[in-house]
Amino acid sequence: MTGDFDPGLLPPGLLDGYLRSAQGQIEHLASLADRLATDGKDPQALDAFRRESHRIRGSAGSYGFAEATRVAAEMEEAAKAWIAGDGAAAADRGVAALAFVERLRASFERRGSVPQLPEVFIIEDDTALIELLEYGLSSRGYTSRVLRNGRDALETLRTLATGDAHPLLLLDVDLPGLDGHSLFSMLQRERPGVFRVVFMTVHGGEDEQLRALEGGATDYLVKPVSLRVALEKIRRWVGR
């Protein structure tokens, strides 16, 4: 995989789904390493170790994890050698396999392999407004990511690694898949305090605004929104 990889080109939630899948593959490889520690000649464990390594070798680099692809390639070649009776002695294969697995795990966790966490998520399906906000945010030096579907946004945000950061969500109410209020309520239950949420919607009634603010939203903007005003408020919300 080249350094030109741009995770922003991936459909919403796809990268997070892949990382969950890769974690399952790593755990499976770890269990196979345990089997090889018991019997380094176990033909089913050896073949499964080869096949699982081959799968990661073929996909990790496409998601920006070039080091994981390199490690998985070493694992696949080692497994082929073990199946042929070459390489590490049968008694040492479990230890070698486990060492491979830990290297693979680290290659996914390494900070440099993980795409930069956006400061602002635009959760909106209006293309014209998205383009305006992206232009404004970029001009002020902010990083952003667009999520156009409420269900996809939920799947992305509920598993997103944020560390100590608190990304800002500019959240529309009328979203396909899952409406903004439902999305907000689920995030408040599952990840309270992680995100700063600002509703940005045409629904400007007092009851609508109070519903969001009393539920824990940071603020509420009624469309149409002045870009200059929105950017000044974003500066205060983001803290720079």
Foldseek 3Di string as FASTA:
>chain_A
DDPVDDLLPDAQLPLVVVVVVVVVLLVVLLVLLVVLLVWLQPPVSLVSQLVSLVVQLVPVVNNQLPQLNVLSVVSNVQSVQVNVVHDDDSNCSSVVSNVSSVSNVCSVVPPVRDDDDFQEEEAAQDVVVVVVLVVLCVVVPGGYHYHQALVSVLSRVLRDDDDPHAHEYAAEQDGHPHGRVVSLLVCCVRPNPRYAYEYEYQPDDPVVQCSQVVSPHPYYHHPPDDSVVVVVVVCVVSVD
